Amino acid sequence: MYSIKKIFGVMFLLACMFLPQTVSAEKNDFKDKYYNFRGVQRVVLMNISSDIDFRNRGNIFIQKLRSTYQKSAGKLKCDVITEDDARRMSGYDSRDLSGVADLYIECYIKDWSDDYYIVPERTTWERKKMYRTVRDRYGNRYEEEYYTTVPVTYPPRRVDVSKMAVTFEVYDTRTGKMVFGREDVRDREDKDAQDGMYGRICNSFFQDLGKLIK
């Protein structure tokens, strides 16, 4: 039993060293405690905005961003329409959305970048299973299993980091006042992991907003 525990311990440490890890995840929220979220009947999803130029990634990438955003909004227990739909309903020249919805949501992608760091060469002491040939009391040979502690040196390795930061702001269409907001900043030890991170960020936001709009 002791040997099995040690083996699983070594396997766990190796998994921590080589599997992708979440470096950090931080959510900063604002909520207007006086706003009546229970009275919300319809929400407008404004078009995603960003200072990052996503055009070089192509139309498919941009459509996936919008699709993930809109699909996650399906968690809300109210009617959800896009900005384009809202503009058609209120008139393209109108900036007033109060006639078609109670709230509008702005999504701003602040960061979508890659980074890395180098883990230096390191040596650890690990238990290793060994075998040796011995004789029993009758002189017969057999293999005996035993464990010894040996130094294991791991070479330097590069760890890729995917970084993301997304801000959501929810405004009342009648007053123009922000009633709910979130800044979600995440780093993950993985290469090109932003797609999955973005999906989780959207799901988390709309799930929490949905708890207010019941």
N, C-alpha and C. Protein backbone atom coordinates (compact mmCIF):
# COMPACT_ATOMS: atom_id res chain seq x y z
N MET A 1 0.83 -1.20 0.00
CA MET A 1 0.00 0.00 0.00
C MET A 1 0.87 1.26 0.00
N TYR A 2 1.94 1.23 0.77
CA TYR A 2 2.84 2.38 0.85
C TYR A 2 3.45 2.67 -0.51
N SER A 3 3.88 1.59 -1.23
CA SER A 3 4.48 1.77 -2.56
C SER A 3 3.48 2.34 -3.55
N ILE A 4 2.23 1.86 -3.49
CA ILE A 4 1.20 2.35 -4.41
C ILE A 4 0.96 3.84 -4.20
N LYS A 5 0.90 4.26 -2.93
CA LYS A 5 0.70 5.67 -2.63
C LYS A 5 1.85 6.52 -3.17
N LYS A 6 3.07 6.01 -3.03
CA LYS A 6 4.23 6.76 -3.52
C LYS A 6 4.19 6.89 -5.04
N ILE A 7 3.78 5.80 -5.71
CA ILE A 7 3.71 5.82 -7.17
C ILE A 7 2.70 6.84 -7.64
N PHE A 8 1.50 6.84 -7.01
CA PHE A 8 0.48 7.81 -7.39
C PHE A 8 0.93 9.23 -7.07
N GLY A 9 1.71 9.37 -6.01
CA GLY A 9 2.23 10.69 -5.66
C GLY A 9 3.15 11.22 -6.74
N VAL A 10 4.04 10.35 -7.25
CA VAL A 10 4.96 10.75 -8.32
C VAL A 10 4.18 11.08 -9.59
N MET A 11 3.16 10.26 -9.90
CA MET A 11 2.35 10.51 -11.10
C MET A 11 1.63 11.85 -11.00
N PHE A 12 1.14 12.18 -9.80
CA PHE A 12 0.44 13.45 -9.61
C PHE A 12 1.39 14.63 -9.82
N LEU A 13 2.61 14.51 -9.29
CA LEU A 13 3.58 15.59 -9.46
C LEU A 13 3.94 15.78 -10.91
N LEU A 14 4.11 14.67 -11.65
CA LEU A 14 4.43 14.77 -13.07
C LEU A 14 3.28 15.42 -13.83
N ALA A 15 2.04 15.08 -13.46
CA ALA A 15 0.88 15.68 -14.12
C ALA A 15 0.85 17.17 -13.90
N CYS A 16 1.17 17.59 -12.67
CA CYS A 16 1.19 19.03 -12.37
C CYS A 16 2.25 19.75 -13.18
N MET A 17 3.36 19.04 -13.47
CA MET A 17 4.46 19.66 -14.18
C MET A 17 4.18 19.79 -15.67
N PHE A 18 3.46 18.81 -16.26
CA PHE A 18 3.36 18.76 -17.71
C PHE A 18 1.97 19.04 -18.27
N LEU A 19 0.92 18.97 -17.46
CA LEU A 19 -0.40 19.26 -17.96
C LEU A 19 -0.69 20.75 -17.86
N PRO A 20 -1.57 21.29 -18.77
CA PRO A 20 -1.88 22.71 -18.70
C PRO A 20 -2.47 23.09 -17.35
N GLN A 21 -2.06 24.23 -16.83
CA GLN A 21 -2.51 24.69 -15.53
C GLN A 21 -3.13 26.08 -15.67
N THR A 22 -4.15 26.37 -14.86
CA THR A 22 -4.67 27.72 -14.80
C THR A 22 -3.78 28.54 -13.88
N VAL A 23 -3.11 29.54 -14.45
CA VAL A 23 -2.20 30.36 -13.67
C VAL A 23 -2.99 31.31 -12.78
N SER A 24 -4.00 31.98 -13.36
CA SER A 24 -4.79 32.91 -12.57
C SER A 24 -6.13 33.14 -13.23
N ALA A 25 -7.12 33.45 -12.41
CA ALA A 25 -8.45 33.79 -12.89
C ALA A 25 -9.04 34.79 -11.90
N GLU A 26 -9.36 35.98 -12.38
CA GLU A 26 -9.84 37.03 -11.50
C GLU A 26 -11.07 37.69 -12.10
N LYS A 27 -12.17 37.73 -11.32
CA LYS A 27 -13.40 38.38 -11.77
C LYS A 27 -13.72 39.55 -10.83
N ASN A 28 -13.86 40.74 -11.41
CA ASN A 28 -14.26 41.92 -10.65
C ASN A 28 -15.65 42.33 -11.08
N ASP A 29 -16.60 42.33 -10.14
CA ASP A 29 -18.00 42.60 -10.45
C ASP A 29 -18.47 43.92 -9.85
N PHE A 30 -19.47 44.51 -10.54
CA PHE A 30 -20.21 45.64 -9.99
C PHE A 30 -21.69 45.32 -10.15
N LYS A 31 -22.49 45.63 -9.13
CA LYS A 31 -23.94 45.41 -9.18
C LYS A 31 -24.65 46.56 -8.50
N ASP A 32 -25.65 47.10 -9.19
CA ASP A 32 -26.51 48.12 -8.60
C ASP A 32 -27.55 47.41 -7.73
N LYS A 33 -27.39 47.51 -6.43
CA LYS A 33 -28.26 46.76 -5.51
C LYS A 33 -29.69 47.29 -5.48
N TYR A 34 -29.91 48.46 -6.07
CA TYR A 34 -31.25 49.03 -6.07
C TYR A 34 -32.03 48.72 -7.35
N TYR A 35 -31.34 48.14 -8.33
CA TYR A 35 -32.01 47.89 -9.61
C TYR A 35 -32.88 46.63 -9.53
N ASN A 36 -34.07 46.70 -10.14
CA ASN A 36 -35.01 45.58 -10.13
C ASN A 36 -34.76 44.67 -11.33
N PHE A 37 -33.84 43.73 -11.17
CA PHE A 37 -33.51 42.80 -12.24
C PHE A 37 -34.69 41.87 -12.55
N ARG A 38 -35.54 41.62 -11.55
CA ARG A 38 -36.67 40.70 -11.74
C ARG A 38 -37.67 41.23 -12.76
N GLY A 39 -37.62 42.53 -13.02
CA GLY A 39 -38.56 43.12 -13.96
C GLY A 39 -38.08 43.12 -15.40
N VAL A 40 -36.92 42.58 -15.66
CA VAL A 40 -36.35 42.59 -17.01
C VAL A 40 -37.09 41.58 -17.90
N GLN A 41 -37.56 42.06 -19.05
CA GLN A 41 -38.27 41.21 -20.00
C GLN A 41 -37.45 40.95 -21.28
N ARG A 42 -36.63 41.92 -21.67
CA ARG A 42 -35.86 41.76 -22.91
C ARG A 42 -34.51 42.42 -22.77
N VAL A 43 -33.50 41.79 -23.36
CA VAL A 43 -32.12 42.26 -23.31
C VAL A 43 -31.56 42.34 -24.74
N VAL A 44 -30.79 43.40 -24.99
CA VAL A 44 -30.13 43.56 -26.29
C VAL A 44 -28.64 43.23 -26.13
N LEU A 45 -28.14 42.35 -27.01
CA LEU A 45 -26.69 42.06 -27.05
C LEU A 45 -26.06 43.00 -28.06
N MET A 46 -25.31 43.97 -27.59
CA MET A 46 -24.62 44.86 -28.51
C MET A 46 -23.47 44.11 -29.18
N ASN A 47 -23.06 44.57 -30.33
CA ASN A 47 -21.97 43.92 -31.06
C ASN A 47 -20.68 43.95 -30.24
N ILE A 48 -19.90 42.89 -30.32
CA ILE A 48 -18.63 42.80 -29.58
C ILE A 48 -17.69 43.89 -30.08
N SER A 49 -16.99 44.52 -29.16
CA SER A 49 -16.01 45.55 -29.53
C SER A 49 -14.64 45.20 -28.96
N SER A 50 -13.60 45.74 -29.57
CA SER A 50 -12.23 45.48 -29.12
C SER A 50 -11.28 46.41 -29.85
N ASP A 51 -10.18 46.74 -29.20
CA ASP A 51 -9.10 47.48 -29.86
C ASP A 51 -8.13 46.53 -30.56
N ILE A 52 -8.33 45.23 -30.36
CA ILE A 52 -7.50 44.21 -31.01
C ILE A 52 -8.02 44.01 -32.43
N ASP A 53 -7.12 43.97 -33.38
CA ASP A 53 -7.51 43.79 -34.78
C ASP A 53 -7.64 42.29 -35.07
N PHE A 54 -8.88 41.81 -35.11
CA PHE A 54 -9.13 40.39 -35.37
C PHE A 54 -9.33 40.10 -36.86
N ARG A 55 -9.25 41.12 -37.70
CA ARG A 55 -9.56 40.92 -39.11
C ARG A 55 -8.61 39.94 -39.79
N ASN A 56 -7.34 39.91 -39.31
CA ASN A 56 -6.38 39.00 -39.94
C ASN A 56 -6.66 37.54 -39.60
N ARG A 57 -7.58 37.29 -38.66
CA ARG A 57 -7.93 35.91 -38.31
C ARG A 57 -9.05 35.37 -39.19
N GLY A 58 -9.68 36.24 -39.93
CA GLY A 58 -10.69 35.79 -40.88
C GLY A 58 -12.11 35.86 -40.36
N ASN A 59 -13.06 35.74 -41.29
CA ASN A 59 -14.47 35.86 -40.98
C ASN A 59 -14.97 34.72 -40.09
N ILE A 60 -14.46 33.52 -40.29
CA ILE A 60 -14.92 32.37 -39.50
C ILE A 60 -14.62 32.60 -38.03
N PHE A 61 -13.43 33.11 -37.74
CA PHE A 61 -13.05 33.38 -36.35
C PHE A 61 -14.00 34.41 -35.73
N ILE A 62 -14.29 35.49 -36.45
CA ILE A 62 -15.16 36.53 -35.93
C ILE A 62 -16.58 36.02 -35.72
N GLN A 63 -17.07 35.19 -36.66
CA GLN A 63 -18.40 34.62 -36.51
C GLN A 63 -18.46 33.68 -35.31
N LYS A 64 -17.39 32.97 -35.02
CA LYS A 64 -17.36 32.09 -33.85
C LYS A 64 -17.42 32.89 -32.55
N LEU A 65 -16.74 34.05 -32.53
CA LEU A 65 -16.81 34.92 -31.37
C LEU A 65 -18.27 35.34 -31.10
N ARG A 66 -18.93 35.78 -32.16
CA ARG A 66 -20.32 36.23 -32.02
C ARG A 66 -21.23 35.07 -31.62
N SER A 67 -21.01 33.91 -32.23
CA SER A 67 -21.85 32.75 -31.94
C SER A 67 -21.73 32.31 -30.48
N THR A 68 -20.50 32.28 -29.97
CA THR A 68 -20.28 31.89 -28.57
C THR A 68 -20.95 32.88 -27.63
N TYR A 69 -20.83 34.16 -27.93
CA TYR A 69 -21.42 35.24 -27.14
C TYR A 69 -22.95 35.11 -27.11
N GLN A 70 -23.54 34.91 -28.28
CA GLN A 70 -24.99 34.84 -28.38
C GLN A 70 -25.53 33.54 -27.79
N LYS A 71 -24.82 32.44 -28.00
CA LYS A 71 -25.27 31.16 -27.46
C LYS A 71 -25.24 31.17 -25.93
N SER A 72 -24.21 31.78 -25.35
CA SER A 72 -24.12 31.85 -23.89
C SER A 72 -25.26 32.69 -23.31
N ALA A 73 -25.70 33.70 -24.08
CA ALA A 73 -26.79 34.55 -23.61
C ALA A 73 -28.10 33.80 -23.52
N GLY A 74 -28.17 32.63 -24.10
CA GLY A 74 -29.37 31.81 -24.02
C GLY A 74 -29.66 31.33 -22.61
N LYS A 75 -28.70 31.50 -21.70
CA LYS A 75 -28.92 31.13 -20.30
C LYS A 75 -29.88 32.09 -19.60
N LEU A 76 -30.09 33.28 -20.18
CA LEU A 76 -30.95 34.27 -19.55
C LEU A 76 -32.42 33.86 -19.68
N LYS A 77 -33.18 34.04 -18.62
CA LYS A 77 -34.59 33.70 -18.60
C LYS A 77 -35.43 34.89 -19.07
N CYS A 78 -35.08 35.40 -20.23
CA CYS A 78 -35.83 36.51 -20.81
C CYS A 78 -35.57 36.50 -22.31
N ASP A 79 -36.24 37.40 -23.01
CA ASP A 79 -36.06 37.52 -24.46
C ASP A 79 -34.72 38.19 -24.73
N VAL A 80 -33.93 37.63 -25.65
CA VAL A 80 -32.61 38.17 -26.01
C VAL A 80 -32.59 38.45 -27.51
N ILE A 81 -32.22 39.66 -27.87
CA ILE A 81 -32.10 40.02 -29.29
C ILE A 81 -30.75 40.66 -29.55
N THR A 82 -30.33 40.64 -30.80
CA THR A 82 -29.04 41.24 -31.16
C THR A 82 -29.20 42.74 -31.39
N GLU A 83 -28.06 43.42 -31.46
CA GLU A 83 -28.10 44.87 -31.71
C GLU A 83 -28.74 45.17 -33.05
N ASP A 84 -28.42 44.34 -34.07
CA ASP A 84 -28.99 44.58 -35.39
C ASP A 84 -30.51 44.46 -35.36
N ASP A 85 -31.02 43.46 -34.64
CA ASP A 85 -32.47 43.30 -34.51
C ASP A 85 -33.08 44.51 -33.80
N ALA A 86 -32.40 44.96 -32.74
CA ALA A 86 -32.90 46.10 -31.98
C ALA A 86 -32.93 47.37 -32.83
N ARG A 87 -31.90 47.58 -33.66
CA ARG A 87 -31.85 48.76 -34.51
C ARG A 87 -32.99 48.73 -35.53
N ARG A 88 -33.29 47.54 -36.06
CA ARG A 88 -34.38 47.43 -37.03
C ARG A 88 -35.72 47.75 -36.36
N MET A 89 -35.87 47.32 -35.11
CA MET A 89 -37.12 47.54 -34.39
C MET A 89 -37.30 48.99 -33.98
N SER A 90 -36.20 49.66 -33.62
CA SER A 90 -36.29 51.04 -33.13
C SER A 90 -36.00 52.08 -34.21
N GLY A 91 -35.49 51.62 -35.35
CA GLY A 91 -35.08 52.55 -36.40
C GLY A 91 -33.58 52.75 -36.35
N TYR A 92 -32.93 52.60 -37.48
CA TYR A 92 -31.46 52.63 -37.52
C TYR A 92 -30.89 53.96 -37.04
N ASP A 93 -31.65 55.02 -37.19
CA ASP A 93 -31.14 56.33 -36.81
C ASP A 93 -31.34 56.61 -35.32
N SER A 94 -32.05 55.74 -34.63
CA SER A 94 -32.35 55.97 -33.22
C SER A 94 -31.28 55.34 -32.32
N ARG A 95 -30.85 56.11 -31.32
CA ARG A 95 -29.92 55.59 -30.33
C ARG A 95 -30.66 55.13 -29.07
N ASP A 96 -31.97 55.36 -29.07
CA ASP A 96 -32.78 55.03 -27.90
C ASP A 96 -33.34 53.61 -28.06
N LEU A 97 -32.92 52.71 -27.17
CA LEU A 97 -33.38 51.32 -27.22
C LEU A 97 -34.46 51.04 -26.17
N SER A 98 -34.90 52.08 -25.48
CA SER A 98 -35.85 51.86 -24.39
C SER A 98 -37.20 51.34 -24.87
N GLY A 99 -37.50 51.58 -26.14
CA GLY A 99 -38.78 51.10 -26.67
C GLY A 99 -38.78 49.63 -27.02
N VAL A 100 -37.60 49.01 -27.07
CA VAL A 100 -37.55 47.60 -27.50
C VAL A 100 -36.97 46.67 -26.44
N ALA A 101 -36.32 47.21 -25.41
CA ALA A 101 -35.69 46.34 -24.40
C ALA A 101 -35.51 47.09 -23.09
N ASP A 102 -35.26 46.32 -22.04
CA ASP A 102 -35.01 46.89 -20.72
C ASP A 102 -33.52 47.13 -20.47
N LEU A 103 -32.70 46.23 -20.97
CA LEU A 103 -31.25 46.30 -20.76
C LEU A 103 -30.52 46.11 -22.07
N TYR A 104 -29.31 46.66 -22.16
CA TYR A 104 -28.42 46.27 -23.24
C TYR A 104 -27.05 45.93 -22.65
N ILE A 105 -26.37 44.99 -23.29
CA ILE A 105 -25.09 44.46 -22.80
C ILE A 105 -23.98 44.76 -23.79
N GLU A 106 -22.93 45.35 -23.30
CA GLU A 106 -21.74 45.60 -24.12
C GLU A 106 -20.64 44.62 -23.72
N CYS A 107 -20.00 44.03 -24.71
CA CYS A 107 -18.90 43.08 -24.49
C CYS A 107 -17.65 43.65 -25.15
N TYR A 108 -16.60 43.83 -24.35
CA TYR A 108 -15.35 44.41 -24.85
C TYR A 108 -14.20 43.46 -24.55
N ILE A 109 -13.52 43.01 -25.59
CA ILE A 109 -12.37 42.11 -25.44
C ILE A 109 -11.12 42.96 -25.29
N LYS A 110 -10.55 42.97 -24.10
CA LYS A 110 -9.39 43.82 -23.80
C LYS A 110 -8.07 43.15 -24.14
N ASP A 111 -8.01 41.84 -23.97
CA ASP A 111 -6.74 41.13 -24.18
C ASP A 111 -7.01 39.76 -24.77
N TRP A 112 -6.23 39.39 -25.78
CA TRP A 112 -6.28 38.07 -26.41
C TRP A 112 -4.86 37.85 -26.94
N SER A 113 -3.98 37.41 -26.07
CA SER A 113 -2.56 37.38 -26.43
C SER A 113 -1.88 36.11 -25.93
N ASP A 114 -0.65 35.93 -26.40
CA ASP A 114 0.17 34.78 -26.03
C ASP A 114 1.44 35.24 -25.33
N ASP A 115 1.89 34.43 -24.39
CA ASP A 115 3.13 34.71 -23.69
C ASP A 115 3.78 33.36 -23.37
N TYR A 116 4.95 33.40 -22.75
CA TYR A 116 5.60 32.16 -22.34
C TYR A 116 6.64 32.46 -21.27
N TYR A 117 7.06 31.40 -20.57
CA TYR A 117 8.19 31.52 -19.65
C TYR A 117 8.98 30.22 -19.71
N ILE A 118 10.20 30.26 -19.21
CA ILE A 118 11.09 29.10 -19.25
C ILE A 118 11.24 28.51 -17.85
N VAL A 119 10.96 27.22 -17.74
CA VAL A 119 11.23 26.50 -16.50
C VAL A 119 12.67 26.01 -16.57
N PRO A 120 13.55 26.42 -15.66
CA PRO A 120 14.96 26.02 -15.75
C PRO A 120 15.16 24.53 -15.48
N GLU A 121 16.34 24.05 -15.85
CA GLU A 121 16.68 22.65 -15.57
C GLU A 121 16.59 22.40 -14.06
N ARG A 122 16.06 21.23 -13.71
CA ARG A 122 15.89 20.91 -12.29
C ARG A 122 16.13 19.43 -12.06
N THR A 123 16.59 19.11 -10.87
CA THR A 123 16.83 17.71 -10.47
C THR A 123 15.97 17.40 -9.25
N THR A 124 15.27 16.29 -9.33
CA THR A 124 14.45 15.86 -8.20
C THR A 124 14.84 14.43 -7.82
N TRP A 125 14.58 14.06 -6.58
CA TRP A 125 14.83 12.70 -6.12
C TRP A 125 13.52 11.92 -6.15
N GLU A 126 13.54 10.80 -6.88
CA GLU A 126 12.32 10.02 -7.08
C GLU A 126 12.58 8.54 -6.81
N ARG A 127 11.54 7.87 -6.33
CA ARG A 127 11.64 6.42 -6.11
C ARG A 127 11.51 5.68 -7.42
N LYS A 128 12.36 4.69 -7.62
CA LYS A 128 12.37 3.93 -8.85
C LYS A 128 12.34 2.44 -8.53
N LYS A 129 11.50 1.71 -9.28
CA LYS A 129 11.42 0.26 -9.08
C LYS A 129 12.60 -0.41 -9.77
N MET A 130 13.26 -1.32 -9.04
CA MET A 130 14.41 -2.04 -9.58
C MET A 130 14.21 -3.54 -9.35
N TYR A 131 14.99 -4.33 -10.05
CA TYR A 131 14.95 -5.78 -9.89
C TYR A 131 16.38 -6.31 -9.73
N ARG A 132 16.51 -7.34 -8.94
CA ARG A 132 17.81 -7.98 -8.78
C ARG A 132 17.59 -9.48 -8.63
N THR A 133 18.60 -10.22 -9.04
CA THR A 133 18.54 -11.69 -8.95
C THR A 133 19.16 -12.14 -7.63
N VAL A 134 18.41 -12.91 -6.88
CA VAL A 134 18.88 -13.44 -5.59
C VAL A 134 18.61 -14.94 -5.55
N ARG A 135 19.14 -15.58 -4.52
CA ARG A 135 18.92 -17.02 -4.33
C ARG A 135 18.13 -17.25 -3.05
N ASP A 136 17.25 -18.24 -3.13
CA ASP A 136 16.55 -18.61 -1.90
C ASP A 136 17.42 -19.55 -1.08
N ARG A 137 16.88 -20.03 0.02
CA ARG A 137 17.71 -20.86 0.91
C ARG A 137 18.07 -22.21 0.31
N TYR A 138 17.39 -22.56 -0.81
CA TYR A 138 17.72 -23.81 -1.48
C TYR A 138 18.68 -23.60 -2.65
N GLY A 139 19.08 -22.37 -2.88
CA GLY A 139 20.02 -22.07 -3.96
C GLY A 139 19.36 -21.74 -5.28
N ASN A 140 18.02 -21.64 -5.29
CA ASN A 140 17.32 -21.32 -6.54
C ASN A 140 17.33 -19.81 -6.79
N ARG A 141 17.54 -19.43 -8.05
CA ARG A 141 17.55 -18.02 -8.42
C ARG A 141 16.13 -17.50 -8.65
N TYR A 142 15.88 -16.26 -8.26
CA TYR A 142 14.61 -15.61 -8.56
C TYR A 142 14.83 -14.09 -8.54
N GLU A 143 13.91 -13.39 -9.21
CA GLU A 143 14.03 -11.92 -9.28
C GLU A 143 13.29 -11.30 -8.11
N GLU A 144 13.98 -10.37 -7.46
CA GLU A 144 13.39 -9.68 -6.33
C GLU A 144 13.16 -8.21 -6.71
N GLU A 145 11.97 -7.72 -6.39
CA GLU A 145 11.63 -6.32 -6.67
C GLU A 145 11.99 -5.46 -5.46
N TYR A 146 12.61 -4.30 -5.75
CA TYR A 146 12.90 -3.36 -4.66
C TYR A 146 12.87 -1.94 -5.20
N TYR A 147 12.88 -0.99 -4.29
CA TYR A 147 12.82 0.42 -4.67
C TYR A 147 14.06 1.14 -4.14
N THR A 148 14.49 2.09 -4.97
CA THR A 148 15.60 2.93 -4.55
C THR A 148 15.32 4.37 -4.96
N THR A 149 15.94 5.32 -4.29
CA THR A 149 15.76 6.73 -4.62
C THR A 149 16.91 7.20 -5.49
N VAL A 150 16.55 7.77 -6.65
CA VAL A 150 17.57 8.18 -7.61
C VAL A 150 17.33 9.62 -8.03
N PRO A 151 18.39 10.33 -8.43
CA PRO A 151 18.19 11.70 -8.94
C PRO A 151 17.72 11.66 -10.39
N VAL A 152 16.71 12.47 -10.70
CA VAL A 152 16.20 12.58 -12.07
C VAL A 152 16.30 14.04 -12.49
N THR A 153 16.98 14.29 -13.59
CA THR A 153 17.18 15.65 -14.08
C THR A 153 16.26 15.93 -15.26
N TYR A 154 15.47 16.99 -15.15
CA TYR A 154 14.59 17.41 -16.22
C TYR A 154 15.21 18.61 -16.92
N PRO A 155 15.26 18.58 -18.25
CA PRO A 155 15.88 19.69 -18.99
C PRO A 155 15.00 20.94 -18.93
N PRO A 156 15.53 22.10 -19.30
CA PRO A 156 14.71 23.31 -19.36
C PRO A 156 13.56 23.11 -20.33
N ARG A 157 12.43 23.73 -20.06
CA ARG A 157 11.29 23.63 -20.97
C ARG A 157 10.55 24.95 -21.03
N ARG A 158 9.95 25.17 -22.18
CA ARG A 158 9.16 26.37 -22.41
C ARG A 158 7.70 26.09 -22.04
N VAL A 159 7.08 27.01 -21.35
CA VAL A 159 5.67 26.90 -21.00
C VAL A 159 4.92 28.04 -21.67
N ASP A 160 4.03 27.71 -22.61
CA ASP A 160 3.23 28.72 -23.28
C ASP A 160 2.06 29.15 -22.39
N VAL A 161 1.73 30.43 -22.45
CA VAL A 161 0.65 30.98 -21.63
C VAL A 161 -0.33 31.74 -22.54
N SER A 162 -1.60 31.38 -22.42
CA SER A 162 -2.66 32.10 -23.14
C SER A 162 -3.29 33.10 -22.18
N LYS A 163 -3.48 34.34 -22.66
CA LYS A 163 -3.98 35.41 -21.80
C LYS A 163 -5.27 35.99 -22.39
N MET A 164 -6.22 36.28 -21.50
CA MET A 164 -7.49 36.85 -21.93
C MET A 164 -8.01 37.83 -20.91
N ALA A 165 -8.70 38.86 -21.37
CA ALA A 165 -9.41 39.80 -20.50
C ALA A 165 -10.64 40.29 -21.25
N VAL A 166 -11.80 40.11 -20.64
CA VAL A 166 -13.07 40.51 -21.26
C VAL A 166 -13.89 41.30 -20.25
N THR A 167 -14.48 42.40 -20.72
CA THR A 167 -15.34 43.22 -19.87
C THR A 167 -16.78 43.18 -20.39
N PHE A 168 -17.73 42.97 -19.49
CA PHE A 168 -19.15 43.04 -19.81
C PHE A 168 -19.77 44.18 -19.01
N GLU A 169 -20.56 45.01 -19.68
CA GLU A 169 -21.26 46.10 -18.99
C GLU A 169 -22.73 46.05 -19.38
N VAL A 170 -23.59 46.07 -18.35
CA VAL A 170 -25.04 45.97 -18.55
C VAL A 170 -25.67 47.31 -18.19
N TYR A 171 -26.42 47.91 -19.14
CA TYR A 171 -27.00 49.23 -18.94
C TYR A 171 -28.53 49.19 -19.02
N ASP A 172 -29.15 50.02 -18.21
CA ASP A 172 -30.60 50.23 -18.31
C ASP A 172 -30.87 51.12 -19.51
N THR A 173 -31.78 50.70 -20.39
CA THR A 173 -32.02 51.45 -21.63
C THR A 173 -32.71 52.79 -21.39
N ARG A 174 -33.42 52.91 -20.28
CA ARG A 174 -34.17 54.15 -20.02
C ARG A 174 -33.29 55.23 -19.39
N THR A 175 -32.45 54.83 -18.46
CA THR A 175 -31.63 55.81 -17.74
C THR A 175 -30.20 55.90 -18.27
N GLY A 176 -29.77 54.86 -18.99
CA GLY A 176 -28.38 54.83 -19.46
C GLY A 176 -27.40 54.50 -18.36
N LYS A 177 -27.90 54.08 -17.22
CA LYS A 177 -27.06 53.80 -16.06
C LYS A 177 -26.60 52.34 -16.07
N MET A 178 -25.32 52.11 -15.76
CA MET A 178 -24.83 50.74 -15.67
C MET A 178 -25.35 50.10 -14.39
N VAL A 179 -25.94 48.92 -14.54
CA VAL A 179 -26.53 48.24 -13.38
C VAL A 179 -25.78 46.96 -13.01
N PHE A 180 -24.96 46.48 -13.92
CA PHE A 180 -24.16 45.28 -13.63
C PHE A 180 -22.95 45.31 -14.55
N GLY A 181 -21.80 44.85 -14.04
CA GLY A 181 -20.60 44.82 -14.85
C GLY A 181 -19.61 43.79 -14.34
N ARG A 182 -18.79 43.32 -15.24
CA ARG A 182 -17.76 42.35 -14.86
C ARG A 182 -16.53 42.51 -15.73
N GLU A 183 -15.36 42.43 -15.08
CA GLU A 183 -14.08 42.32 -15.79
C GLU A 183 -13.50 40.96 -15.43
N ASP A 184 -13.33 40.11 -16.43
CA ASP A 184 -12.84 38.76 -16.22
C ASP A 184 -11.45 38.64 -16.87
N VAL A 185 -10.43 38.43 -16.04
CA VAL A 185 -9.04 38.35 -16.53
C VAL A 185 -8.51 36.95 -16.22
N ARG A 186 -7.98 36.27 -17.23
CA ARG A 186 -7.52 34.90 -17.05
C ARG A 186 -6.20 34.65 -17.78
N ASP A 187 -5.35 33.85 -17.16
CA ASP A 187 -4.13 33.32 -17.78
C ASP A 187 -4.20 31.80 -17.68
N ARG A 188 -3.73 31.11 -18.72
CA ARG A 188 -3.72 29.65 -18.67
C ARG A 188 -2.43 29.13 -19.29
N GLU A 189 -1.82 28.17 -18.63
CA GLU A 189 -0.60 27.55 -19.14
C GLU A 189 -0.95 26.57 -20.25
N ASP A 190 -1.13 27.10 -21.43
CA ASP A 190 -1.48 26.28 -22.59
C ASP A 190 -1.31 27.14 -23.82
N LYS A 191 -1.13 26.52 -24.96
CA LYS A 191 -0.94 27.27 -26.20
C LYS A 191 -2.27 27.40 -26.94
N ASP A 192 -2.57 28.61 -27.39
CA ASP A 192 -3.78 28.88 -28.18
C ASP A 192 -5.04 28.37 -27.47
N ALA A 193 -5.16 28.68 -26.19
CA ALA A 193 -6.30 28.21 -25.40
C ALA A 193 -7.40 29.26 -25.27
N GLN A 194 -7.27 30.37 -25.98
CA GLN A 194 -8.21 31.48 -25.78
C GLN A 194 -9.64 31.13 -26.18
N ASP A 195 -9.83 30.29 -27.21
CA ASP A 195 -11.19 29.95 -27.63
C ASP A 195 -11.98 29.35 -26.48
N GLY A 196 -11.39 28.36 -25.82
CA GLY A 196 -12.06 27.72 -24.69
C GLY A 196 -12.22 28.67 -23.52
N MET A 197 -11.21 29.49 -23.26
CA MET A 197 -11.29 30.46 -22.17
C MET A 197 -12.41 31.46 -22.41
N TYR A 198 -12.53 31.93 -23.65
CA TYR A 198 -13.57 32.90 -24.00
C TYR A 198 -14.95 32.29 -23.79
N GLY A 199 -15.11 31.04 -24.17
CA GLY A 199 -16.39 30.36 -23.98
C GLY A 199 -16.76 30.26 -22.51
N ARG A 200 -15.78 29.92 -21.67
CA ARG A 200 -16.04 29.80 -20.23
C ARG A 200 -16.34 31.17 -19.61
N ILE A 201 -15.65 32.21 -20.10
CA ILE A 201 -15.89 33.56 -19.59
C ILE A 201 -17.32 34.00 -19.89
N CYS A 202 -17.77 33.78 -21.14
CA CYS A 202 -19.14 34.14 -21.52
C CYS A 202 -20.16 33.34 -20.72
N ASN A 203 -19.94 32.03 -20.61
CA ASN A 203 -20.88 31.19 -19.87
C ASN A 203 -21.00 31.63 -18.42
N SER A 204 -19.85 31.94 -17.81
CA SER A 204 -19.84 32.36 -16.41
C SER A 204 -20.61 33.66 -16.22
N PHE A 205 -20.39 34.62 -17.12
CA PHE A 205 -21.06 35.91 -16.99
C PHE A 205 -22.57 35.77 -17.12
N PHE A 206 -23.02 35.10 -18.17
CA PHE A 206 -24.46 35.01 -18.40
C PHE A 206 -25.15 34.10 -17.39
N GLN A 207 -24.42 33.14 -16.87
CA GLN A 207 -24.99 32.31 -15.81
C GLN A 207 -25.25 33.15 -14.55
N ASP A 208 -24.28 34.00 -14.21
CA ASP A 208 -24.43 34.83 -13.01
C ASP A 208 -25.46 35.94 -13.22
N LEU A 209 -25.50 36.52 -14.43
CA LEU A 209 -26.52 37.52 -14.72
C LEU A 209 -27.90 36.88 -14.71
N GLY A 210 -27.97 35.65 -15.21
CA GLY A 210 -29.24 34.94 -15.23
C GLY A 210 -29.80 34.68 -13.84
N LYS A 211 -28.92 34.57 -12.85
CA LYS A 211 -29.40 34.37 -11.48
C LYS A 211 -30.10 35.61 -10.94
N LEU A 212 -29.75 36.77 -11.50
CA LEU A 212 -30.41 38.02 -11.10
C LEU A 212 -31.74 38.22 -11.82
N ILE A 213 -31.76 37.76 -13.10
CA ILE A 213 -32.98 37.91 -13.90
C ILE A 213 -33.74 36.60 -13.84
N LYS A 214 -34.64 36.44 -12.95
CA LYS A 214 -35.40 35.20 -12.79
C LYS A 214 -36.87 35.43 -13.03
